[in-house]
């Protein structure tokens, strides 16, 4: 039978401070288990199918979209400078038009990487899609985009066997995701119901590299880091999320 189990602990903090500062933090600790991939398998390097079609219980593992820990924090801060503010409350309209009405907001996101699946077999089976055997520790001390995990930790399963590699490794994951988005706004107020706004938005503000999970997750029968005759990108990361982007916009409210 097909099984799905999702458990989570969720916590959130939302507070409006004095002097124009609002902050919110949300944290999720979860585990997503199942034995079949849903329609979201297109978004990650999933499996070609069950290792043994007649033993779906052996397919039970974390889901390909499982993210055990996720933290998202954001704030909005209206700078206390300008007419009617703490600093410069009595300044003239011309000066206020330059230094007053500024607002800064940020969203920071931190997530664990998604689990990795390893496929590949030296033979084909009418009863499924066999996987390799795990024969050593899949972890290495210093993962890099050239070798994210121990590529020598696998070998083809014997003929007639379906391999002991799990559908997804819960303890072998792709890179963590860390991102900061920033917005800087300047507001000019003309009347109670009329104002203009200039906005600068910086996505991936600090240009932090966020890499995809390894694209090479199909074992080909040899260790590419030990033999120059191996081909393919097994264990390598070949893609990343976008670099910093800047967007400028103007609005008029009435």
C-alpha atoms as a PDB file:
ATOM      1  CA  UNK A   1       0.000   0.000   0.000  1.00  0.00           C
ATOM      2  CA  UNK A   2       1.012   3.616  -0.521  1.00  0.00           C
ATOM      3  CA  UNK A   3       1.790   5.498   2.685  1.00  0.00           C
ATOM      4  CA  UNK A   4       2.438   9.150   3.475  1.00  0.00           C
ATOM      5  CA  UNK A   5       3.305  10.655   6.852  1.00  0.00           C
ATOM      6  CA  UNK A   6       4.128  14.273   7.598  1.00  0.00           C
ATOM      7  CA  UNK A   7       4.893  15.542  11.094  1.00  0.00           C
ATOM      8  CA  UNK A   8       6.028  19.014  12.030  1.00  0.00           C
ATOM      9  CA  UNK A   9       6.622  21.448  14.840  1.00  0.00           C
ATOM     10  CA  UNK A  10       5.894  25.041  13.860  1.00  0.00           C
ATOM     11  CA  UNK A  11       6.587  28.212  15.800  1.00  0.00           C
ATOM     12  CA  UNK A  12       6.056  31.849  14.859  1.00  0.00           C
ATOM     13  CA  UNK A  13       6.802  35.214  16.464  1.00  0.00           C
ATOM     14  CA  UNK A  14       5.210  38.434  15.241  1.00  0.00           C
ATOM     15  CA  UNK A  15       5.654  41.742  17.030  1.00  0.00           C
ATOM     16  CA  UNK A  16       5.112  45.403  16.257  1.00  0.00           C
ATOM     17  CA  UNK A  17       7.771  47.344  18.106  1.00  0.00           C
ATOM     18  CA  UNK A  18       7.781  51.062  18.834  1.00  0.00           C
ATOM     19  CA  UNK A  19       9.163  53.644  16.435  1.00  0.00           C
ATOM     20  CA  UNK A  20       8.144  51.994  13.169  1.00  0.00           C
ATOM     21  CA  UNK A  21       9.703  48.519  13.509  1.00  0.00           C
ATOM     22  CA  UNK A  22       7.778  45.318  12.794  1.00  0.00           C
ATOM     23  CA  UNK A  23       9.379  41.858  12.833  1.00  0.00           C
ATOM     24  CA  UNK A  24       8.242  38.287  12.232  1.00  0.00           C
ATOM     25  CA  UNK A  25      10.114  34.988  12.597  1.00  0.00           C
ATOM     26  CA  UNK A  26       8.780  31.536  11.683  1.00  0.00           C
ATOM     27  CA  UNK A  27      10.476  28.169  12.211  1.00  0.00           C
ATOM     28  CA  UNK A  28       9.451  24.696  11.065  1.00  0.00           C
ATOM     29  CA  UNK A  29      10.944  21.383  12.167  1.00  0.00           C
ATOM     30  CA  UNK A  30       9.465  18.501  10.198  1.00  0.00           C
ATOM     31  CA  UNK A  31       9.809  15.052   8.713  1.00  0.00           C
ATOM     32  CA  UNK A  32       8.059  13.868   5.559  1.00  0.00           C
ATOM     33  CA  UNK A  33       7.962  10.105   4.999  1.00  0.00           C
ATOM     34  CA  UNK A  34       6.379   8.134   2.170  1.00  0.00           C
ATOM     35  CA  UNK A  35       7.015   5.238  -0.174  1.00  0.00           C
ATOM     36  CA  UNK A  36       5.976   6.838  -3.444  1.00  0.00           C
ATOM     37  CA  UNK A  37       6.814  10.070  -5.237  1.00  0.00           C
ATOM     38  CA  UNK A  38       4.024  12.515  -5.913  1.00  0.00           C
ATOM     39  CA  UNK A  39       3.574  15.004  -8.710  1.00  0.00           C
ATOM     40  CA  UNK A  40       6.346  17.205  -7.291  1.00  0.00           C
ATOM     41  CA  UNK A  41       9.069  14.784  -8.432  1.00  0.00           C
ATOM     42  CA  UNK A  42       9.769  17.014 -11.456  1.00  0.00           C
ATOM     43  CA  UNK A  43      11.404  19.578  -9.130  1.00  0.00           C
ATOM     44  CA  UNK A  44      14.239  17.376  -7.893  1.00  0.00           C
ATOM     45  CA  UNK A  45      16.417  14.466  -8.998  1.00  0.00           C
ATOM     46  CA  UNK A  46      14.047  11.670  -8.112  1.00  0.00           C
ATOM     47  CA  UNK A  47      13.987   7.960  -8.907  1.00  0.00           C
ATOM     48  CA  UNK A  48      13.044   6.275 -12.140  1.00  0.00           C
ATOM     49  CA  UNK A  49      10.685   4.033 -10.167  1.00  0.00           C
ATOM     50  CA  UNK A  50      10.557   1.495  -7.323  1.00  0.00           C
ATOM     51  CA  UNK A  51      13.592  -0.745  -6.973  1.00  0.00           C
ATOM     52  CA  UNK A  52      11.279  -3.723  -6.476  1.00  0.00           C
ATOM     53  CA  UNK A  53       7.755  -3.248  -7.769  1.00  0.00           C
ATOM     54  CA  UNK A  54       6.563  -6.120  -5.602  1.00  0.00           C
ATOM     55  CA  UNK A  55       7.922  -4.702  -2.352  1.00  0.00           C
ATOM     56  CA  UNK A  56       6.687  -1.160  -1.883  1.00  0.00           C
ATOM     57  CA  UNK A  57       7.441  -1.321   1.856  1.00  0.00           C
ATOM     58  CA  UNK A  58      11.149  -1.249   0.965  1.00  0.00           C
ATOM     59  CA  UNK A  59      10.568   2.106  -0.749  1.00  0.00           C
ATOM     60  CA  UNK A  60       9.727   3.881   2.510  1.00  0.00           C
ATOM     61  CA  UNK A  61      12.080   6.812   3.103  1.00  0.00           C
ATOM     62  CA  UNK A  62      11.985  10.563   3.480  1.00  0.00           C
ATOM     63  CA  UNK A  63      10.226  12.268   0.591  1.00  0.00           C
ATOM     64  CA  UNK A  64      12.276  13.996  -2.081  1.00  0.00           C
ATOM     65  CA  UNK A  65      10.893  17.340  -0.911  1.00  0.00           C
ATOM     66  CA  UNK A  66      11.630  16.767   2.778  1.00  0.00           C
ATOM     67  CA  UNK A  67      13.239  19.814   4.438  1.00  0.00           C
ATOM     68  CA  UNK A  68      13.741  19.067   8.166  1.00  0.00           C
ATOM     69  CA  UNK A  69      14.437  22.627   9.261  1.00  0.00           C
ATOM     70  CA  UNK A  70      13.307  25.937   7.810  1.00  0.00           C
ATOM     71  CA  UNK A  71      13.715  29.414   9.274  1.00  0.00           C
ATOM     72  CA  UNK A  72      12.266  32.568   7.719  1.00  0.00           C
ATOM     73  CA  UNK A  73      12.679  36.003   9.322  1.00  0.00           C
ATOM     74  CA  UNK A  74      11.573  39.392   8.058  1.00  0.00           C
ATOM     75  CA  UNK A  75      11.261  42.930   9.309  1.00  0.00           C
ATOM     76  CA  UNK A  76       9.989  46.319   8.157  1.00  0.00           C
ATOM     77  CA  UNK A  77      11.613  49.428   9.609  1.00  0.00           C
ATOM     78  CA  UNK A  78      10.432  52.970   8.982  1.00  0.00           C
ATOM     79  CA  UNK A  79      13.530  55.047   9.701  1.00  0.00           C
ATOM     80  CA  UNK A  80      12.862  57.584  12.501  1.00  0.00           C
ATOM     81  CA  UNK A  81      14.137  60.540  10.483  1.00  0.00           C
ATOM     82  CA  UNK A  82      12.066  63.419   9.105  1.00  0.00           C
ATOM     83  CA  UNK A  83       9.151  65.650   9.990  1.00  0.00           C
ATOM     84  CA  UNK A  84       7.214  64.274  12.953  1.00  0.00           C
ATOM     85  CA  UNK A  85       9.897  61.655  13.671  1.00  0.00           C
ATOM     86  CA  UNK A  86      12.367  61.312  16.547  1.00  0.00           C
ATOM     87  CA  UNK A  87      15.207  62.810  14.562  1.00  0.00           C
ATOM     88  CA  UNK A  88      14.585  65.973  12.571  1.00  0.00           C
ATOM     89  CA  UNK A  89      10.968  66.464  13.597  1.00  0.00           C
ATOM     90  CA  UNK A  90      11.201  70.181  12.940  1.00  0.00           C
ATOM     91  CA  UNK A  91      13.118  70.104   9.652  1.00  0.00           C
ATOM     92  CA  UNK A  92      11.855  71.970   6.627  1.00  0.00           C
ATOM     93  CA  UNK A  93       9.840  70.385   3.848  1.00  0.00           C
ATOM     94  CA  UNK A  94      12.727  70.471   1.381  1.00  0.00           C
ATOM     95  CA  UNK A  95      15.077  68.655   3.754  1.00  0.00           C
ATOM     96  CA  UNK A  96      12.337  66.187   4.673  1.00  0.00           C
ATOM     97  CA  UNK A  97      11.794  65.435   0.992  1.00  0.00           C
ATOM     98  CA  UNK A  98      15.420  64.230   0.851  1.00  0.00           C
ATOM     99  CA  UNK A  99      16.120  62.503   4.186  1.00  0.00           C
ATOM    100  CA  UNK A 100      12.611  61.705   5.461  1.00  0.00           C
ATOM    101  CA  UNK A 101      10.194  58.955   4.500  1.00  0.00           C
ATOM    102  CA  UNK A 102      12.737  56.128   4.150  1.00  0.00           C
ATOM    103  CA  UNK A 103      11.799  52.521   4.877  1.00  0.00           C
ATOM    104  CA  UNK A 104      13.907  49.340   4.852  1.00  0.00           C
ATOM    105  CA  UNK A 105      12.653  45.749   4.857  1.00  0.00           C
ATOM    106  CA  UNK A 106      14.352  42.373   4.547  1.00  0.00           C
ATOM    107  CA  UNK A 107      13.414  38.706   4.264  1.00  0.00           C
ATOM    108  CA  UNK A 108      16.016  36.128   5.316  1.00  0.00           C
ATOM    109  CA  UNK A 109      15.488  32.448   4.470  1.00  0.00           C
ATOM    110  CA  UNK A 110      17.495  29.477   5.752  1.00  0.00           C
ATOM    111  CA  UNK A 111      16.656  25.879   4.784  1.00  0.00           C
ATOM    112  CA  UNK A 112      18.310  22.490   4.970  1.00  0.00           C
ATOM    113  CA  UNK A 113      19.054  20.749   1.704  1.00  0.00           C
ATOM    114  CA  UNK A 114      16.745  18.202   0.095  1.00  0.00           C
ATOM    115  CA  UNK A 115      17.638  14.482   0.324  1.00  0.00           C
ATOM    116  CA  UNK A 116      19.687  12.809  -2.392  1.00  0.00           C
ATOM    117  CA  UNK A 117      18.649   9.736  -4.357  1.00  0.00           C
ATOM    118  CA  UNK A 118      21.168   7.426  -6.031  1.00  0.00           C
ATOM    119  CA  UNK A 119      20.078   5.260  -8.940  1.00  0.00           C
ATOM    120  CA  UNK A 120      21.766   3.010 -11.459  1.00  0.00           C
ATOM    121  CA  UNK A 121      22.245  -0.718 -11.897  1.00  0.00           C
ATOM    122  CA  UNK A 122      24.355  -3.033 -14.020  1.00  0.00           C
ATOM    123  CA  UNK A 123      21.302  -4.948 -15.121  1.00  0.00           C
ATOM    124  CA  UNK A 124      17.638  -4.440 -15.864  1.00  0.00           C
ATOM    125  CA  UNK A 125      14.671  -6.131 -14.251  1.00  0.00           C
ATOM    126  CA  UNK A 126      11.060  -6.606 -15.244  1.00  0.00           C
ATOM    127  CA  UNK A 127      10.232  -6.280 -11.564  1.00  0.00           C
ATOM    128  CA  UNK A 128      11.554  -2.773 -10.976  1.00  0.00           C
ATOM    129  CA  UNK A 129      14.534  -0.435 -11.227  1.00  0.00           C
ATOM    130  CA  UNK A 130      17.380  -1.870  -9.112  1.00  0.00           C
ATOM    131  CA  UNK A 131      19.740   0.463  -7.270  1.00  0.00           C
ATOM    132  CA  UNK A 132      23.375  -0.003  -6.319  1.00  0.00           C
ATOM    133  CA  UNK A 133      24.641  -1.340  -3.003  1.00  0.00           C
ATOM    134  CA  UNK A 134      26.120   0.997  -0.393  1.00  0.00           C
ATOM    135  CA  UNK A 135      29.497  -0.437   0.664  1.00  0.00           C
ATOM    136  CA  UNK A 136      31.070   2.494   2.595  1.00  0.00           C
ATOM    137  CA  UNK A 137      30.266   5.765   4.326  1.00  0.00           C
ATOM    138  CA  UNK A 138      28.598   8.060   1.805  1.00  0.00           C
ATOM    139  CA  UNK A 139      29.880  11.197   3.553  1.00  0.00           C
ATOM    140  CA  UNK A 140      33.160  13.021   3.000  1.00  0.00           C
ATOM    141  CA  UNK A 141      34.812  15.558   5.302  1.00  0.00           C
ATOM    142  CA  UNK A 142      34.938  18.443   2.818  1.00  0.00           C
ATOM    143  CA  UNK A 143      32.126  18.272   0.236  1.00  0.00           C
ATOM    144  CA  UNK A 144      32.614  20.395  -2.863  1.00  0.00           C
ATOM    145  CA  UNK A 145      30.772  20.911  -6.129  1.00  0.00           C
ATOM    146  CA  UNK A 146      33.278  18.491  -7.717  1.00  0.00           C
ATOM    147  CA  UNK A 147      32.506  15.737  -5.196  1.00  0.00           C
ATOM    148  CA  UNK A 148      29.526  16.298  -2.918  1.00  0.00           C
ATOM    149  CA  UNK A 149      29.496  12.794  -1.460  1.00  0.00           C
ATOM    150  CA  UNK A 150      31.737   9.724  -1.434  1.00  0.00           C
ATOM    151  CA  UNK A 151      31.422   8.541  -5.021  1.00  0.00           C
ATOM    152  CA  UNK A 152      33.382   5.395  -4.147  1.00  0.00           C
ATOM    153  CA  UNK A 153      30.762   4.224  -1.636  1.00  0.00           C
ATOM    154  CA  UNK A 154      28.699   2.316  -4.211  1.00  0.00           C
ATOM    155  CA  UNK A 155      28.885  -0.781  -6.374  1.00  0.00           C
ATOM    156  CA  UNK A 156      26.437  -2.559  -8.639  1.00  0.00           C
ATOM    157  CA  UNK A 157      24.144  -4.954  -6.797  1.00  0.00           C
ATOM    158  CA  UNK A 158      24.486  -8.635  -7.764  1.00  0.00           C
ATOM    159  CA  UNK A 159      22.222  -9.944 -10.501  1.00  0.00           C
ATOM    160  CA  UNK A 160      18.805 -10.737  -9.056  1.00  0.00           C
ATOM    161  CA  UNK A 161      19.205  -8.291  -6.181  1.00  0.00           C
ATOM    162  CA  UNK A 162      17.565  -4.861  -6.013  1.00  0.00           C
ATOM    163  CA  UNK A 163      20.345  -3.092  -4.070  1.00  0.00           C
ATOM    164  CA  UNK A 164      20.346  -1.698  -0.537  1.00  0.00           C
ATOM    165  CA  UNK A 165      20.491   2.001  -1.444  1.00  0.00           C
ATOM    166  CA  UNK A 166      17.384   3.706  -0.004  1.00  0.00           C
ATOM    167  CA  UNK A 167      14.947   5.573  -2.189  1.00  0.00           C
ATOM    168  CA  UNK A 168      16.186   8.834  -0.613  1.00  0.00           C
ATOM    169  CA  UNK A 169      18.952   9.249   1.947  1.00  0.00           C
ATOM    170  CA  UNK A 170      17.738  11.074   5.049  1.00  0.00           C
ATOM    171  CA  UNK A 171      21.337  11.786   6.137  1.00  0.00           C
ATOM    172  CA  UNK A 172      22.771  12.709   2.733  1.00  0.00           C
ATOM    173  CA  UNK A 173      21.425  15.984   1.415  1.00  0.00           C
ATOM    174  CA  UNK A 174      22.110  18.688  -1.081  1.00  0.00           C
ATOM    175  CA  UNK A 175      23.500  22.116  -0.127  1.00  0.00           C
ATOM    176  CA  UNK A 176      21.698  24.303   2.365  1.00  0.00           C
ATOM    177  CA  UNK A 177      19.756  27.298   1.061  1.00  0.00           C
ATOM    178  CA  UNK A 178      20.477  30.765   2.440  1.00  0.00           C
ATOM    179  CA  UNK A 179      19.014  33.918   0.948  1.00  0.00           C
ATOM    180  CA  UNK A 180      18.445  37.582   1.828  1.00  0.00           C
ATOM    181  CA  UNK A 181      16.043  39.846  -0.074  1.00  0.00           C
ATOM    182  CA  UNK A 182      16.062  43.579   0.657  1.00  0.00           C
ATOM    183  CA  UNK A 183      13.743  46.439  -0.198  1.00  0.00           C
ATOM    184  CA  UNK A 184      14.590  50.146   0.252  1.00  0.00           C
ATOM    185  CA  UNK A 185      11.642  52.515  -0.127  1.00  0.00           C
ATOM    186  CA  UNK A 186      11.369  56.301  -0.253  1.00  0.00           C
ATOM    187  CA  UNK A 187       7.929  57.832   0.292  1.00  0.00           C
ATOM    188  CA  UNK A 188       6.766  61.382  -0.434  1.00  0.00           C
ATOM    189  CA  UNK A 189       3.466  62.302   1.154  1.00  0.00           C
ATOM    190  CA  UNK A 190       1.421  65.071  -0.495  1.00  0.00           C
ATOM    191  CA  UNK A 191      -1.974  64.675   1.168  1.00  0.00           C
ATOM    192  CA  UNK A 192      -3.583  62.171   3.515  1.00  0.00           C
ATOM    193  CA  UNK A 193      -4.628  59.988   0.594  1.00  0.00           C
ATOM    194  CA  UNK A 194      -1.904  60.835  -1.910  1.00  0.00           C
ATOM    195  CA  UNK A 195       1.746  59.820  -1.937  1.00  0.00           C
ATOM    196  CA  UNK A 196       4.549  58.763  -4.267  1.00  0.00           C
ATOM    197  CA  UNK A 197       7.015  55.942  -3.692  1.00  0.00           C
ATOM    198  CA  UNK A 198      10.373  54.928  -5.133  1.00  0.00           C
ATOM    199  CA  UNK A 199      11.485  51.352  -4.440  1.00  0.00           C
ATOM    200  CA  UNK A 200      14.771  49.517  -4.935  1.00  0.00           C
ATOM    201  CA  UNK A 201      14.605  45.740  -4.473  1.00  0.00           C
ATOM    202  CA  UNK A 202      17.678  43.529  -4.192  1.00  0.00           C
ATOM    203  CA  UNK A 203      17.046  39.804  -4.565  1.00  0.00           C
ATOM    204  CA  UNK A 204      19.887  37.676  -3.152  1.00  0.00           C
ATOM    205  CA  UNK A 205      21.215  40.900  -1.650  1.00  0.00           C
ATOM    206  CA  UNK A 206      24.656  39.610  -0.672  1.00  0.00           C
ATOM    207  CA  UNK A 207      25.101  37.570  -3.869  1.00  0.00           C
ATOM    208  CA  UNK A 208      25.451  34.405  -1.796  1.00  0.00           C
ATOM    209  CA  UNK A 209      25.898  31.289  -3.992  1.00  0.00           C
ATOM    210  CA  UNK A 210      23.116  28.733  -3.518  1.00  0.00           C
ATOM    211  CA  UNK A 211      23.858  25.491  -5.336  1.00  0.00           C
ATOM    212  CA  UNK A 212      21.440  22.848  -6.580  1.00  0.00           C
ATOM    213  CA  UNK A 213      21.653  19.265  -5.409  1.00  0.00           C
ATOM    214  CA  UNK A 214      24.082  17.087  -7.387  1.00  0.00           C
ATOM    215  CA  UNK A 215      22.832  16.520 -10.911  1.00  0.00           C
ATOM    216  CA  UNK A 216      24.952  13.384 -11.253  1.00  0.00           C
ATOM    217  CA  UNK A 217      23.142  10.831  -9.071  1.00  0.00           C
ATOM    218  CA  UNK A 218      23.175   7.838 -11.401  1.00  0.00           C
ATOM    219  CA  UNK A 219      25.923   5.379 -10.515  1.00  0.00           C
ATOM    220  CA  UNK A 220      27.708   4.152 -13.622  1.00  0.00           C
ATOM    221  CA  UNK A 221      29.795   1.326 -12.236  1.00  0.00           C
ATOM    222  CA  UNK A 222      33.026   3.083 -11.205  1.00  0.00           C
ATOM    223  CA  UNK A 223      34.302   5.943  -9.076  1.00  0.00           C
ATOM    224  CA  UNK A 224      34.975   9.026 -11.272  1.00  0.00           C
ATOM    225  CA  UNK A 225      37.335  10.393  -8.626  1.00  0.00           C
ATOM    226  CA  UNK A 226      39.482   7.245  -8.745  1.00  0.00           C
ATOM    227  CA  UNK A 227      39.441   6.384 -12.447  1.00  0.00           C
ATOM    228  CA  UNK A 228      39.965   8.717 -15.380  1.00  0.00           C
ATOM    229  CA  UNK A 229      38.096   6.275 -17.604  1.00  0.00           C
ATOM    230  CA  UNK A 230      34.771   7.050 -15.884  1.00  0.00           C
ATOM    231  CA  UNK A 231      32.429   9.398 -17.671  1.00  0.00           C
ATOM    232  CA  UNK A 232      29.520  11.496 -16.471  1.00  0.00           C
ATOM    233  CA  UNK A 233      29.066  13.836 -13.532  1.00  0.00           C
ATOM    234  CA  UNK A 234      28.332  11.373 -10.729  1.00  0.00           C
ATOM    235  CA  UNK A 235      28.432  13.226  -7.394  1.00  0.00           C
ATOM    236  CA  UNK A 236      28.978  16.638  -8.970  1.00  0.00           C
ATOM    237  CA  UNK A 237      26.931  19.827  -8.691  1.00  0.00           C
ATOM    238  CA  UNK A 238      26.464  21.558 -12.012  1.00  0.00           C
ATOM    239  CA  UNK A 239      23.824  24.216 -11.332  1.00  0.00           C
ATOM    240  CA  UNK A 240      22.891  26.991  -8.947  1.00  0.00           C
ATOM    241  CA  UNK A 241      20.174  29.484  -8.156  1.00  0.00           C
ATOM    242  CA  UNK A 242      20.429  32.936  -9.686  1.00  0.00           C
ATOM    243  CA  UNK A 243      22.890  35.623  -8.616  1.00  0.00           C
ATOM    244  CA  UNK A 244      21.885  39.007  -7.208  1.00  0.00           C
ATOM    245  CA  UNK A 245      19.171  40.867  -9.103  1.00  0.00           C
ATOM    246  CA  UNK A 246      18.219  44.530  -8.655  1.00  0.00           C
ATOM    247  CA  UNK A 247      14.793  45.905  -9.515  1.00  0.00           C
ATOM    248  CA  UNK A 248      13.737  49.562  -9.455  1.00  0.00           C
ATOM    249  CA  UNK A 249      10.133  50.716  -9.383  1.00  0.00           C
ATOM    250  CA  UNK A 250       8.017  53.809  -8.851  1.00  0.00           C
ATOM    251  CA  UNK A 251       4.404  54.093  -7.661  1.00  0.00           C
ATOM    252  CA  UNK A 252       1.878  56.827  -7.130  1.00  0.00           C
ATOM    253  CA  UNK A 253      -0.962  56.233  -4.648  1.00  0.00           C
ATOM    254  CA  UNK A 254      -4.185  58.249  -4.575  1.00  0.00           C
END
